[in-house]
Every structure is written in structure tokens, then in C-alpha cells.
C-alpha atoms as a PDB file:
ATOM      1  CA  MET A   1       9.103  23.577  28.012  1.00  0.00           C
ATOM      2  CA  LYS A   2       7.451  22.545  24.211  1.00  0.00           C
ATOM      3  CA  GLN A   3       5.101  19.217  24.549  1.00  0.00           C
ATOM      4  CA  ILE A   4       5.956  16.157  22.692  1.00  0.00           C
ATOM      5  CA  PRO A   5       3.074  15.506  20.402  1.00  0.00           C
ATOM      6  CA  LEU A   6       1.501  12.158  20.257  1.00  0.00           C
ATOM      7  CA  ILE A   7       1.294  12.096  16.484  1.00  0.00           C
ATOM      8  CA  SER A   8       3.892  12.917  14.020  1.00  0.00           C
ATOM      9  CA  VAL A   9       2.568  13.267  10.224  1.00  0.00           C
ATOM     10  CA  VAL A  10       5.546  12.938   7.552  1.00  0.00           C
ATOM     11  CA  MET A  11       5.174  14.025   3.938  1.00  0.00           C
ATOM     12  CA  SER A  12       7.567  14.465   1.172  1.00  0.00           C
ATOM     13  CA  ILE A  13       6.485  16.602  -1.873  1.00  0.00           C
ATOM     14  CA  TYR A  14       8.328  16.691  -5.325  1.00  0.00           C
ATOM     15  CA  CYS A  15       6.456  18.375  -8.364  1.00  0.00           C
ATOM     16  CA  GLU A  16       2.935  17.517  -7.345  1.00  0.00           C
ATOM     17  CA  PRO A  17       0.478  20.478  -8.351  1.00  0.00           C
ATOM     18  CA  ILE A  18       0.251  23.280  -5.603  1.00  0.00           C
ATOM     19  CA  GLN A  19      -3.371  22.650  -5.281  1.00  0.00           C
ATOM     20  CA  TRP A  20      -3.047  19.357  -4.541  1.00  0.00           C
ATOM     21  CA  ILE A  21      -0.278  19.842  -2.087  1.00  0.00           C
ATOM     22  CA  SER A  22      -2.387  22.481  -0.556  1.00  0.00           C
ATOM     23  CA  GLN A  23      -5.289  20.082   0.069  1.00  0.00           C
ATOM     24  CA  ALA A  24      -3.506  17.390   1.556  1.00  0.00           C
ATOM     25  CA  ILE A  25      -1.768  19.440   4.066  1.00  0.00           C
ATOM     26  CA  ASP A  26      -5.117  21.278   4.728  1.00  0.00           C
ATOM     27  CA  SER A  27      -6.521  17.923   5.585  1.00  0.00           C
ATOM     28  CA  ILE A  28      -4.009  17.354   8.148  1.00  0.00           C
ATOM     29  CA  LEU A  29      -4.000  20.768  10.017  1.00  0.00           C
ATOM     30  CA  ASN A  30      -7.943  20.472  10.096  1.00  0.00           C
ATOM     31  CA  GLN A  31      -7.822  16.647  11.806  1.00  0.00           C
ATOM     32  CA  SER A  32     -10.001  16.359  14.862  1.00  0.00           C
ATOM     33  CA  PHE A  33      -7.226  15.219  16.579  1.00  0.00           C
ATOM     34  CA  SER A  34      -4.546  18.220  17.155  1.00  0.00           C
ATOM     35  CA  ASP A  35      -2.117  16.803  19.531  1.00  0.00           C
ATOM     36  CA  LEU A  36       0.415  16.573  16.406  1.00  0.00           C
ATOM     37  CA  GLU A  37       3.481  17.808  14.441  1.00  0.00           C
ATOM     38  CA  PHE A  38       3.493  17.829  10.451  1.00  0.00           C
ATOM     39  CA  VAL A  39       7.162  17.234   8.949  1.00  0.00           C
ATOM     40  CA  ILE A  40       7.232  17.917   5.367  1.00  0.00           C
ATOM     41  CA  VAL A  41      10.206  17.222   3.366  1.00  0.00           C
ATOM     42  CA  ASN A  42      10.726  19.630   0.264  1.00  0.00           C
ATOM     43  CA  ASP A  43      12.423  17.287  -2.445  1.00  0.00           C
ATOM     44  CA  ASN A  44      12.342  19.598  -5.147  1.00  0.00           C
ATOM     45  CA  PRO A  45      15.054  22.458  -4.140  1.00  0.00           C
ATOM     46  CA  SER A  46      14.659  24.112  -7.598  1.00  0.00           C
ATOM     47  CA  ARG A  47      10.787  24.726  -7.369  1.00  0.00           C
ATOM     48  CA  LEU A  48      10.240  28.299  -5.933  1.00  0.00           C
ATOM     49  CA  GLU A  49       6.558  27.353  -5.713  1.00  0.00           C
ATOM     50  CA  ASN A  50       7.362  24.644  -3.077  1.00  0.00           C
ATOM     51  CA  TYR A  51       9.457  26.951  -1.033  1.00  0.00           C
ATOM     52  CA  LEU A  52       6.786  29.803  -1.006  1.00  0.00           C
ATOM     53  CA  LEU A  53       3.731  27.624  -0.068  1.00  0.00           C
ATOM     54  CA  LEU A  54       5.542  25.474   2.607  1.00  0.00           C
ATOM     55  CA  ASP A  55       6.850  29.126   3.868  1.00  0.00           C
ATOM     56  CA  LYS A  56       3.214  30.150   4.184  1.00  0.00           C
ATOM     57  CA  TYR A  57       1.876  27.192   6.161  1.00  0.00           C
ATOM     58  CA  GLN A  58       5.012  26.988   8.527  1.00  0.00           C
ATOM     59  CA  LYS A  59       4.208  30.995   9.622  1.00  0.00           C
ATOM     60  CA  ALA A  60       0.694  30.218  10.049  1.00  0.00           C
ATOM     61  CA  ASP A  61       0.681  27.259  12.362  1.00  0.00           C
ATOM     62  CA  GLY A  62       3.433  26.196  14.761  1.00  0.00           C
ATOM     63  CA  ARG A  63       2.974  22.461  14.259  1.00  0.00           C
ATOM     64  CA  VAL A  64       4.416  22.428  10.651  1.00  0.00           C
ATOM     65  CA  HIS A  65       8.075  21.707  10.471  1.00  0.00           C
ATOM     66  CA  ILE A  66       9.872  22.158   6.907  1.00  0.00           C
ATOM     67  CA  ILE A  67      13.102  20.435   5.689  1.00  0.00           C
ATOM     68  CA  HIS A  68      14.340  21.562   2.366  1.00  0.00           C
ATOM     69  CA  ASN A  69      16.915  18.714   0.815  1.00  0.00           C
ATOM     70  CA  ALA A  70      19.597  20.520  -0.827  1.00  0.00           C
ATOM     71  CA  MET A  71      18.963  18.227  -3.627  1.00  0.00           C
ATOM     72  CA  ASN A  72      16.474  15.974  -5.280  1.00  0.00           C
ATOM     73  CA  LEU A  73      16.923  12.470  -2.891  1.00  0.00           C
ATOM     74  CA  GLY A  74      13.657  10.811  -3.862  1.00  0.00           C
ATOM     75  CA  LEU A  75      10.746   9.470  -1.756  1.00  0.00           C
ATOM     76  CA  THR A  76      12.649   6.684   0.167  1.00  0.00           C
ATOM     77  CA  CYS A  77      15.601   9.089   1.399  1.00  0.00           C
ATOM     78  CA  SER A  78      13.241  11.954   2.208  1.00  0.00           C
ATOM     79  CA  LEU A  79      10.552   9.718   4.202  1.00  0.00           C
ATOM     80  CA  ASN A  80      13.855   8.568   6.363  1.00  0.00           C
ATOM     81  CA  ILE A  81      14.832  12.481   6.818  1.00  0.00           C
ATOM     82  CA  ALA A  82      11.430  13.340   8.092  1.00  0.00           C
ATOM     83  CA  ILE A  83      10.819  10.321  10.440  1.00  0.00           C
ATOM     84  CA  LYS A  84      14.392  11.106  11.906  1.00  0.00           C
ATOM     85  CA  ALA A  85      13.073  14.595  12.550  1.00  0.00           C
ATOM     86  CA  THR A  86       9.904  13.291  14.501  1.00  0.00           C
ATOM     87  CA  ASN A  87       9.095  13.245  18.119  1.00  0.00           C
ATOM     88  CA  GLY A  88       5.653  11.633  18.014  1.00  0.00           C
ATOM     89  CA  ARG A  89       4.758   8.307  19.520  1.00  0.00           C
ATOM     90  CA  TYR A  90       3.131   7.679  16.271  1.00  0.00           C
ATOM     91  CA  ILE A  91       4.337   8.038  12.917  1.00  0.00           C
ATOM     92  CA  ALA A  92       1.234   8.779  10.153  1.00  0.00           C
ATOM     93  CA  ARG A  93       2.146   9.115   6.520  1.00  0.00           C
ATOM     94  CA  MET A  94       0.702  11.454   4.257  1.00  0.00           C
ATOM     95  CA  ASP A  95       1.133  11.869   0.337  1.00  0.00           C
ATOM     96  CA  ALA A  96       1.110  15.076  -1.528  1.00  0.00           C
ATOM     97  CA  ASP A  97      -1.790  14.122  -3.956  1.00  0.00           C
ATOM     98  CA  ASP A  98      -4.062  12.710  -1.325  1.00  0.00           C
ATOM     99  CA  VAL A  99      -6.655  13.842   1.459  1.00  0.00           C
ATOM    100  CA  SER A 100      -7.089  12.615   5.047  1.00  0.00           C
ATOM    101  CA  LEU A 101     -10.675  12.682   6.262  1.00  0.00           C
ATOM    102  CA  PRO A 102     -10.960  14.748   9.550  1.00  0.00           C
ATOM    103  CA  GLU A 103     -11.498  12.154  11.807  1.00  0.00           C
ATOM    104  CA  ARG A 104      -8.435   9.964  10.415  1.00  0.00           C
ATOM    105  CA  LEU A 105      -5.750  10.335  12.895  1.00  0.00           C
ATOM    106  CA  GLU A 106      -8.056  10.361  15.886  1.00  0.00           C
ATOM    107  CA  THR A 107      -9.663   6.971  14.670  1.00  0.00           C
ATOM    108  CA  GLN A 108      -6.345   5.484  14.214  1.00  0.00           C
ATOM    109  CA  TYR A 109      -4.698   6.618  17.427  1.00  0.00           C
ATOM    110  CA  LEU A 110      -7.561   5.159  19.518  1.00  0.00           C
ATOM    111  CA  PHE A 111      -7.270   1.843  17.557  1.00  0.00           C
ATOM    112  CA  LEU A 112      -3.467   1.858  18.250  1.00  0.00           C
ATOM    113  CA  GLU A 113      -4.175   2.801  21.984  1.00  0.00           C
ATOM    114  CA  LYS A 114      -6.437  -0.319  22.338  1.00  0.00           C
ATOM    115  CA  LYS A 115      -4.801  -3.104  20.340  1.00  0.00           C
ATOM    116  CA  ARG A 116      -1.071  -2.754  21.763  1.00  0.00           C
ATOM    117  CA  ASP A 117       0.172  -5.723  19.662  1.00  0.00           C
ATOM    118  CA  VAL A 118      -0.457  -3.806  16.384  1.00  0.00           C
ATOM    119  CA  VAL A 119       2.609  -1.983  14.980  1.00  0.00           C
ATOM    120  CA  ILE A 120       0.840  -0.580  11.742  1.00  0.00           C
ATOM    121  CA  CYS A 121      -2.490   0.474  11.028  1.00  0.00           C
ATOM    122  CA  GLY A 122      -4.000   1.575   7.633  1.00  0.00           C
ATOM    123  CA  SER A 123      -7.610   1.940   6.434  1.00  0.00           C
ATOM    124  CA  TRP A 124      -9.685   2.000   3.127  1.00  0.00           C
ATOM    125  CA  GLY A 125      -9.829   4.763   1.017  1.00  0.00           C
ATOM    126  CA  TYR A 126     -12.178   6.568  -1.470  1.00  0.00           C
ATOM    127  CA  LEU A 127     -10.910   7.267  -4.867  1.00  0.00           C
ATOM    128  CA  PHE A 128     -11.066  10.318  -6.553  1.00  0.00           C
ATOM    129  CA  LYS A 129      -9.934  11.773  -9.847  1.00  0.00           C
ATOM    130  CA  ASN A 130     -10.370  15.535  -9.682  1.00  0.00           C
ATOM    131  CA  MET A 131      -9.741  18.812  -7.212  1.00  0.00           C
ATOM    132  CA  HIS A 132     -13.414  18.537  -6.499  1.00  0.00           C
ATOM    133  CA  VAL A 133     -12.960  15.153  -5.066  1.00  0.00           C
ATOM    134  CA  SER A 134     -15.748  13.399  -6.628  1.00  0.00           C
ATOM    135  CA  PHE A 135     -15.618   9.746  -5.546  1.00  0.00           C
ATOM    136  CA  CYS A 136     -15.335   6.932  -8.196  1.00  0.00           C
ATOM    137  CA  GLY A 137     -15.148   4.017  -5.927  1.00  0.00           C
ATOM    138  CA  ILE A 138     -13.592   2.534  -2.503  1.00  0.00           C
ATOM    139  CA  LYS A 139     -10.294   0.646  -2.352  1.00  0.00           C
ATOM    140  CA  ARG A 140     -10.691  -2.320   0.307  1.00  0.00           C
ATOM    141  CA  THR A 141      -7.773  -3.958   1.496  1.00  0.00           C
ATOM    142  CA  PRO A 142      -7.590  -6.767   3.938  1.00  0.00           C
ATOM    143  CA  CYS A 143      -8.230  -5.958   7.305  1.00  0.00           C
ATOM    144  CA  ASN A 144      -7.152  -8.342  10.215  1.00  0.00           C
ATOM    145  CA  ASP A 145      -3.428  -9.443  10.287  1.00  0.00           C
ATOM    146  CA  GLN A 146      -4.073 -12.616   8.937  1.00  0.00           C
ATOM    147  CA  GLU A 147      -5.757 -11.331   6.125  1.00  0.00           C
ATOM    148  CA  VAL A 148      -2.617  -8.961   5.458  1.00  0.00           C
ATOM    149  CA  ALA A 149      -0.116 -11.745   5.869  1.00  0.00           C
ATOM    150  CA  VAL A 150      -2.122 -13.813   3.377  1.00  0.00           C
ATOM    151  CA  PHE A 151      -3.119 -11.152   0.849  1.00  0.00           C
ATOM    152  CA  SER A 152       0.867  -9.671   1.176  1.00  0.00           C
ATOM    153  CA  LEU A 153       2.223 -12.899  -0.527  1.00  0.00           C
ATOM    154  CA  PHE A 154       0.065 -11.642  -3.934  1.00  0.00           C
ATOM    155  CA  ALA A 155       0.228  -7.589  -3.715  1.00  0.00           C
ATOM    156  CA  ASN A 156       0.805  -4.741  -1.797  1.00  0.00           C
ATOM    157  CA  PRO A 157      -1.790  -5.067   1.196  1.00  0.00           C
ATOM    158  CA  ILE A 158      -1.922  -1.368   2.603  1.00  0.00           C
ATOM    159  CA  ILE A 159      -2.665   1.984   0.949  1.00  0.00           C
ATOM    160  CA  HIS A 160       0.661   3.933   1.957  1.00  0.00           C
ATOM    161  CA  SER A 161      -0.768   7.512   2.521  1.00  0.00           C
ATOM    162  CA  SER A 162      -3.202   5.534   4.916  1.00  0.00           C
ATOM    163  CA  VAL A 163      -0.731   4.139   7.486  1.00  0.00           C
ATOM    164  CA  MET A 164      -0.017   5.176  11.378  1.00  0.00           C
ATOM    165  CA  ILE A 165       2.955   3.085  12.649  1.00  0.00           C
ATOM    166  CA  ARG A 166       4.358   2.713  16.224  1.00  0.00           C
ATOM    167  CA  LYS A 167       7.347   4.798  16.334  1.00  0.00           C
ATOM    168  CA  GLU A 168       9.746   2.145  17.870  1.00  0.00           C
ATOM    169  CA  PHE A 169       9.163  -0.326  14.986  1.00  0.00           C
ATOM    170  CA  LEU A 170      10.969   2.606  12.881  1.00  0.00           C
ATOM    171  CA  GLU A 171      13.713   3.197  15.555  1.00  0.00           C
ATOM    172  CA  GLN A 172      16.533   1.011  13.935  1.00  0.00           C
ATOM    173  CA  GLU A 173      15.686   1.071   9.963  1.00  0.00           C
ATOM    174  CA  ALA A 174      12.559   2.787   8.480  1.00  0.00           C
ATOM    175  CA  TYR A 175      12.587   2.758   4.762  1.00  0.00           C
ATOM    176  CA  ASP A 176      14.967   0.567   2.919  1.00  0.00           C
ATOM    177  CA  VAL A 177      16.931   2.792   0.993  1.00  0.00           C
ATOM    178  CA  LYS A 178      17.715  -0.014  -1.718  1.00  0.00           C
ATOM    179  CA  PHE A 179      14.448   0.372  -2.789  1.00  0.00           C
ATOM    180  CA  LYS A 180      13.320   3.665  -4.787  1.00  0.00           C
ATOM    181  CA  LYS A 181       9.559   2.600  -5.725  1.00  0.00           C
ATOM    182  CA  ALA A 182       7.427   0.053  -3.747  1.00  0.00           C
ATOM    183  CA  GLN A 183       9.174   1.215  -0.456  1.00  0.00           C
ATOM    184  CA  ASP A 184       6.420   0.606   1.648  1.00  0.00           C
ATOM    185  CA  TYR A 185       5.574  -2.729   0.422  1.00  0.00           C
ATOM    186  CA  VAL A 186       8.994  -3.692   1.459  1.00  0.00           C
ATOM    187  CA  LEU A 187       8.370  -2.348   5.024  1.00  0.00           C
ATOM    188  CA  TRP A 188       5.277  -4.163   5.394  1.00  0.00           C
ATOM    189  CA  GLY A 189       7.115  -7.374   4.371  1.00  0.00           C
ATOM    190  CA  ARG A 190       9.557  -6.990   6.705  1.00  0.00           C
ATOM    191  CA  ALA A 191       7.198  -6.466   9.379  1.00  0.00           C
ATOM    192  CA  ILE A 192       5.072  -9.731   8.614  1.00  0.00           C
ATOM    193  CA  CYS A 193       8.660 -11.526   8.305  1.00  0.00           C
ATOM    194  CA  GLU A 194       9.242 -10.509  11.832  1.00  0.00           C
ATOM    195  CA  ASN A 195       5.441 -11.655  13.097  1.00  0.00           C
ATOM    196  CA  ARG A 196       4.379  -8.200  13.369  1.00  0.00           C
ATOM    197  CA  SER A 197       0.514  -7.387  13.429  1.00  0.00           C
ATOM    198  CA  ILE A 198      -0.674  -5.367  10.576  1.00  0.00           C
ATOM    199  CA  TYR A 199      -4.384  -4.258  10.464  1.00  0.00           C
ATOM    200  CA  ASN A 200      -6.541  -2.144   8.249  1.00  0.00           C
ATOM    201  CA  ILE A 201      -9.574  -0.592   9.622  1.00  0.00           C
ATOM    202  CA  PRO A 202     -12.464  -1.324   7.164  1.00  0.00           C
ATOM    203  CA  VAL A 203     -13.596   2.194   6.408  1.00  0.00           C
ATOM    204  CA  PRO A 204     -12.516   4.837   4.255  1.00  0.00           C
ATOM    205  CA  LEU A 205     -10.411   7.509   6.253  1.00  0.00           C
ATOM    206  CA  ILE A 206      -8.463   8.935   3.063  1.00  0.00           C
ATOM    207  CA  LYS A 207      -9.229  10.057   0.010  1.00  0.00           C
ATOM    208  CA  TYR A 208      -6.676   8.420  -2.519  1.00  0.00           C
ATOM    209  CA  ARG A 209      -6.121  10.150  -6.033  1.00  0.00           C
ATOM    210  CA  ILE A 210      -6.163   8.574  -9.102  1.00  0.00           C
ATOM    211  CA  SER A 211      -3.776  10.445 -11.459  1.00  0.00           C
ATOM    212  CA  SER A 212      -1.274   9.913 -14.381  1.00  0.00           C
ATOM    213  CA  MET A 213       0.924  11.898 -12.372  1.00  0.00           C
ATOM    214  CA  GLN A 214       1.150   9.241  -9.501  1.00  0.00           C
ATOM    215  CA  ILE A 215       4.381   7.510  -8.753  1.00  0.00           C
ATOM    216  CA  SER A 216       2.319   4.034  -9.134  1.00  0.00           C
ATOM    217  CA  SER A 217       1.964   5.044 -12.565  1.00  0.00           C
ATOM    218  CA  ASN A 218       5.026   6.278 -14.040  1.00  0.00           C
ATOM    219  CA  PHE A 219       7.319   3.861 -12.355  1.00  0.00           C
ATOM    220  CA  THR A 220       5.154   0.579 -13.219  1.00  0.00           C
ATOM    221  CA  ASN A 221       8.359  -1.711 -14.213  1.00  0.00           C
ATOM    222  CA  GLU A 222      10.739  -0.615 -11.052  1.00  0.00           C
ATOM    223  CA  GLN A 223       7.711  -1.311  -8.596  1.00  0.00           C
ATOM    224  CA  CYS A 224       7.205  -4.696 -10.332  1.00  0.00           C
ATOM    225  CA  ILE A 225      10.653  -5.635  -9.544  1.00  0.00           C
ATOM    226  CA  THR A 226      10.412  -4.574  -6.004  1.00  0.00           C
ATOM    227  CA  ALA A 227       7.262  -6.289  -5.441  1.00  0.00           C
ATOM    228  CA  ASN A 228       8.557  -9.386  -7.103  1.00  0.00           C
ATOM    229  CA  GLU A 229      11.242  -9.068  -4.281  1.00  0.00           C
ATOM    230  CA  VAL A 230       8.822  -8.714  -1.586  1.00  0.00           C
ATOM    231  CA  ARG A 231       6.772 -11.857  -2.535  1.00  0.00           C
ATOM    232  CA  LYS A 232      10.084 -13.778  -3.024  1.00  0.00           C
ATOM    233  CA  ARG A 233      11.112 -12.911   0.691  1.00  0.00           C
ATOM    234  CA  LEU A 234       7.363 -13.773   1.808  1.00  0.00           C
ATOM    235  CA  LEU A 235       7.096 -17.331   0.054  1.00  0.00           C
ATOM    236  CA  GLN A 236      10.587 -18.039   1.735  1.00  0.00           C
ATOM    237  CA  ARG A 237       9.020 -17.320   5.057  1.00  0.00           C
ATOM    238  CA  LEU A 238       6.052 -19.952   3.935  1.00  0.00           C
ATOM    239  CA  LEU A 239       8.031 -22.190   2.160  1.00  0.00           C
ATOM    240  CA  PRO A 240      11.558 -22.998   3.581  1.00  0.00           C
ATOM    241  CA  VAL A 241      12.187 -24.633  -0.158  1.00  0.00           C
ATOM    242  CA  VAL A 242      10.989 -22.867  -2.849  1.00  0.00           C
ATOM    243  CA  THR A 243      12.647 -22.760  -6.329  1.00  0.00           C
ATOM    244  CA  MET A 244      13.130 -19.777  -8.460  1.00  0.00           C
ATOM    245  CA  SER A 245      10.825 -21.364 -11.197  1.00  0.00           C
ATOM    246  CA  GLU A 246       8.183 -21.542  -8.553  1.00  0.00           C
ATOM    247  CA  VAL A 247       8.907 -18.158  -7.397  1.00  0.00           C
ATOM    248  CA  ASN A 248       9.091 -16.565 -11.079  1.00  0.00           C
ATOM    249  CA  LEU A 249       5.641 -18.696 -11.818  1.00  0.00           C
ATOM    250  CA  HIS A 250       4.034 -16.948  -8.589  1.00  0.00           C
ATOM    251  CA  ASN A 251       5.117 -13.423  -9.402  1.00  0.00           C
ATOM    252  CA  GLN A 252       3.643 -13.798 -13.177  1.00  0.00           C
ATOM    253  CA  ILE A 253       0.449 -15.139 -11.887  1.00  0.00           C
ATOM    254  CA  CYS A 254       0.509 -11.839  -9.305  1.00  0.00           C
ATOM    255  CA  ASN A 255       1.376  -9.519 -12.153  1.00  0.00           C
ATOM    256  CA  LEU A 256      -1.351 -10.674 -14.169  1.00  0.00           C
ATOM    257  CA  GLN A 257       1.663 -11.389 -16.862  1.00  0.00           C
ATOM    258  CA  CYS A 258       1.239 -13.855 -19.790  1.00  0.00           C
ATOM    259  CA  LEU A 259       2.427 -16.872 -18.502  1.00  0.00           C
ATOM    260  CA  ASP A 260       5.749 -17.482 -20.550  1.00  0.00           C
ATOM    261  CA  GLY A 261       6.724 -21.350 -20.213  1.00  0.00           C
ATOM    262  CA  TYR A 262       4.064 -22.143 -18.413  1.00  0.00           C
ATOM    263  CA  ASN A 263       0.699 -23.776 -19.083  1.00  0.00           C
ATOM    264  CA  ILE A 264      -2.591 -23.629 -17.113  1.00  0.00           C
ATOM    265  CA  LEU A 265      -2.019 -26.749 -15.354  1.00  0.00           C
ATOM    266  CA  HIS A 266       1.189 -25.612 -13.986  1.00  0.00           C
ATOM    267  CA  VAL A 267      -0.720 -22.428 -12.652  1.00  0.00           C
ATOM    268  CA  GLU A 268      -3.604 -24.994 -11.112  1.00  0.00           C
ATOM    269  CA  LYS A 269      -1.046 -26.865  -9.470  1.00  0.00           C
ATOM    270  CA  TRP A 270       0.781 -24.099  -7.775  1.00  0.00           C
ATOM    271  CA  LEU A 271      -2.167 -22.250  -6.557  1.00  0.00           C
ATOM    272  CA  CYS A 272      -3.685 -25.509  -5.197  1.00  0.00           C
ATOM    273  CA  ARG A 273      -0.576 -25.867  -3.151  1.00  0.00           C
ATOM    274  CA  MET A 274      -0.515 -22.206  -2.247  1.00  0.00           C
ATOM    275  CA  LYS A 275      -4.124 -22.629  -0.960  1.00  0.00           C
ATOM    276  CA  GLU A 276      -3.474 -25.785   0.835  1.00  0.00           C
ATOM    277  CA  LEU A 277      -0.499 -24.217   2.500  1.00  0.00           C
ATOM    278  CA  LEU A 278      -2.472 -20.941   3.492  1.00  0.00           C
ATOM    279  CA  VAL A 279      -5.457 -22.697   5.134  1.00  0.00           C
ATOM    280  CA  LYS A 280      -2.692 -24.866   7.064  1.00  0.00           C
ATOM    281  CA  PHE A 281      -1.203 -21.557   8.499  1.00  0.00           C
ATOM    282  CA  TYR A 282      -4.266 -19.620   9.068  1.00  0.00           C
ATOM    283  CA  PRO A 283      -7.346 -22.163   9.399  1.00  0.00           C
ATOM    284  CA  LEU A 284      -9.838 -19.325  10.522  1.00  0.00           C
ATOM    285  CA  ASN A 285      -9.109 -17.354   7.365  1.00  0.00           C
ATOM    286  CA  GLU A 286     -10.268 -20.415   4.985  1.00  0.00           C
ATOM    287  CA  GLN A 287     -12.906 -18.550   2.950  1.00  0.00           C
ATOM    288  CA  TYR A 288     -10.775 -15.267   2.559  1.00  0.00           C
ATOM    289  CA  ILE A 289      -7.815 -17.381   1.246  1.00  0.00           C
ATOM    290  CA  CYS A 290     -10.271 -19.687  -1.117  1.00  0.00           C
ATOM    291  CA  THR A 291     -11.594 -16.500  -2.301  1.00  0.00           C
ATOM    292  CA  LEU A 292      -8.584 -14.724  -2.967  1.00  0.00           C
ATOM    293  CA  ILE A 293      -7.131 -17.784  -4.540  1.00  0.00           C
ATOM    294  CA  SER A 294      -9.879 -18.254  -6.903  1.00  0.00           C
ATOM    295  CA  SER A 295      -9.629 -14.456  -7.957  1.00  0.00           C
ATOM    296  CA  TYR A 296      -5.889 -15.069  -8.977  1.00  0.00           C
ATOM    297  CA  TRP A 297      -6.946 -18.667 -11.251  1.00  0.00           C
ATOM    298  CA  VAL A 298     -10.056 -16.795 -12.777  1.00  0.00           C
ATOM    299  CA  ASN A 299      -7.991 -13.913 -13.813  1.00  0.00           C
ATOM    300  CA  SER A 300      -4.930 -16.356 -15.144  1.00  0.00           C
ATOM    301  CA  CYS A 301      -7.335 -18.560 -17.205  1.00  0.00           C
ATOM    302  CA  ILE A 302      -9.056 -15.421 -18.744  1.00  0.00           C
ATOM    303  CA  ARG A 303      -5.774 -13.921 -19.909  1.00  0.00           C
ATOM    304  CA  GLY A 304      -4.651 -17.513 -21.080  1.00  0.00           C
ATOM    305  CA  GLY A 305      -8.011 -18.155 -23.019  1.00  0.00           C
ATOM    306  CA  GLN A 306      -8.955 -21.003 -20.903  1.00  0.00           C
ATOM    307  CA  ILE A 307     -12.523 -20.462 -19.915  1.00  0.00           C
ATOM    308  CA  ASN A 308     -13.375 -23.936 -19.786  1.00  0.00           C
ATOM    309  CA  ARG A 309     -10.518 -25.021 -17.801  1.00  0.00           C
ATOM    310  CA  CYS A 310     -11.284 -22.408 -15.348  1.00  0.00           C
ATOM    311  CA  LEU A 311     -14.889 -23.678 -14.769  1.00  0.00           C
ATOM    312  CA  LYS A 312     -13.565 -27.228 -14.255  1.00  0.00           C
ATOM    313  CA  SER A 313     -11.248 -26.326 -11.500  1.00  0.00           C
ATOM    314  CA  VAL A 314     -11.690 -26.893  -7.699  1.00  0.00           C
ATOM    315  CA  LEU A 315     -10.124 -23.492  -7.424  1.00  0.00           C
ATOM    316  CA  CYS A 316     -12.864 -21.693  -9.188  1.00  0.00           C
ATOM    317  CA  LYS A 317     -15.385 -20.033  -6.413  1.00  0.00           C
ATOM    318  CA  MET A 318     -16.897 -17.407  -8.704  1.00  0.00           C
ATOM    319  CA  PRO A 319     -20.301 -17.219 -10.202  1.00  0.00           C
ATOM    320  CA  LEU A 320     -20.462 -18.018 -14.055  1.00  0.00           C
ATOM    321  CA  TYR A 321     -21.699 -14.308 -14.995  1.00  0.00           C
ATOM    322  CA  VAL A 322     -19.007 -12.819 -12.721  1.00  0.00           C
ATOM    323  CA  ILE A 323     -16.489 -14.806 -14.890  1.00  0.00           C
ATOM    324  CA  LEU A 324     -17.964 -13.914 -18.171  1.00  0.00           C
ATOM    325  CA  LEU A 325     -17.825  -9.978 -17.446  1.00  0.00           C
ATOM    326  CA  LYS A 326     -14.510 -10.398 -16.197  1.00  0.00           C
ATOM    327  CA  TYR A 327     -13.620 -11.890 -19.800  1.00  0.00           C
ATOM    328  CA  VAL A 328     -15.348  -9.299 -21.938  1.00  0.00           C
ATOM    329  CA  LYS A 329     -13.718  -6.657 -20.004  1.00  0.00           C
ATOM    330  CA  TYR A 330     -10.438  -8.074 -20.403  1.00  0.00           C
ATOM    331  CA  LYS A 331     -11.308  -8.484 -24.066  1.00  0.00           C
ATOM    332  CA  MET A 332     -12.263  -5.012 -24.512  1.00  0.00           C
ATOM    333  CA  ARG A 333      -9.275  -3.518 -22.652  1.00  0.00           C
ATOM    334  CA  TYR A 334      -6.299  -5.445 -23.928  1.00  0.00           C
ATOM    335  CA  LEU A 335      -7.431  -6.886 -27.363  1.00  0.00           C
ATOM    336  CA  ASN A 336      -9.141  -3.871 -29.193  1.00  0.00           C
END
């Protein structure tokens, strides 16, 4: 009788460079935690290279299970197909252009076994740009469940390829097929609205590739639309009565857009209101909330050319030299 694995890792591949896919697969098969199955969906049936590579891995390692889509279905549907084919107690995500560190799955498994109330566990990630995985920084995400809930009102709080999720949370519906991009943010938003606990382990457990080929680079507008919808839902959870004008203002602040139709006083008033509400909801995280709100206030003022107003506000918690450095970087990046 075949033993049921504790962890099921799911991944979808499309047209990523074969070397990248190999790196991703090898990083899972070489984990310190070996009680796993690896379900990989080939979402590009016309690409022969995908068949050849996946066939090689399936023959070499019995933990690898391959599903070939009959046609290109997109990431959301492919992940749902993979999840339905899993048997494990936990579902871990992997992306075809990232790399998991050897202790990743073991670290997350032990964490979830200890923290029974947590349904989703992510981590920080090293950023890298090339095949030699030279690091160019660390992507830090909010850590405890309250920080995640607060941060989610402004941006995606989790690195998708870093997560491990309890299987029972995905039983009824995994990824919402109405959303082709930023489907992970939709899932985290759903968990928060259901008062589920989400944590990020504050150490890098993956290597997160920065590339122009990434879906997040190629479909920015569609991702933005989805993110706006998620923030709207989360705002409605926080504020039972919120106007579309307020939702639009909040999304423009979060997207670092030109605040069309709003002046800086509207932004300040809204962020002051958000800070007051969030501190009331999460009093033990007041410092984190004030720091986060301050960063969005400063960025809004920089893009609006309102440095003086920025410094006069109670929202401003950044040192002057940091603000000036941000302002110079903004000018160099967008106005040259």
C-alpha cells in the first residue's frame, strides 16, 4: 500500500527557460524533508521541451507526478488542477522560476505542526537575477497574523512561491477562477475575511527571481485591477460603510499613482482615519501600523511634490534624510 505523503508541492510550468524549471524542481527534490509528492502541471502542451524535461524527472524520482493540460489554461486553473490531484496534509507552492532553500519545507512543516491555528505560512525570500543566484537583497514580508492583516489592506503580504497551506482550507475552493492574475492575493484576502491566521516566517526560505519574464512584470495592469478588488473587500470588512470615492482614493495611494481628483489634504485625512481604525483593531501593533501608514504618506507626498506638507504632518515618522533620499531616487527614476 502506497504511503500518503505529508506534504504535496504544486507547480505549473509554461514557457520559463528550461534551466530555471530544472533549478526549481531540483530545489524541491533535494529538500531535507523528503516525505513529499511533487505535482507539476504542464500548461504549455505545444512545447516539446516541457514534455522531455518532465518525463526525465518523473522516471528518475517516484515522488514526481506530471499532469499535461490539453490546452493552455492559465496559472489559476492549472494550480487548482494540481491541488485536486494532491494527497498531502499540507500544500506547498513552488514557482518555475524560483528556488527553495534546502530546509524550507521542514521549517514550514514544523511551524504548522506547532501552530495549529495557522492555515497559511509563508516566508521571506532572497532576491536574485541570474542563474548563478547572486543575491541582490531580501524581500521582507509582514510576520504575525495581525501584521499580515494590516499590510493586506495596502499590498500583497506573501511571496506566493513561499507558502505552505493546510489542505483542508483548500478543500471547498482553492484559487478563484474569476481572477487570472494576482490569484494568490485573492486567496489571502479570503482567509483574512474568514478570520484565518496567516504567518510569514521571518527568514528567507526561498530565492525569488527578479525577471522581465515574470507574470508580475508582464501583466501589471490586470494584477492592479485584481489587487484593487481585494483591497475593496478588505476595506469593507474594516469599514462596513465605505464609499467608492474612498475606495478609489485608497487604491490610488496603494498603487503609488498620481492622485487624480484628490489633493494631499484628502490623502492625509484618509490615512489618519486608517491609522486610527487599525490601531483600534490591532492595539498591540501600533508601532507597525504607524510605520506602514507613514511610508504611504511619504510616498504620496513625494509623488505630489509636497515635501513641506509631508514634514508637517503627524503621519510623518521618517527621518528627513530618508525622505530626501527617496525624493532624489524618485526624481532620477521618473523624471529624467
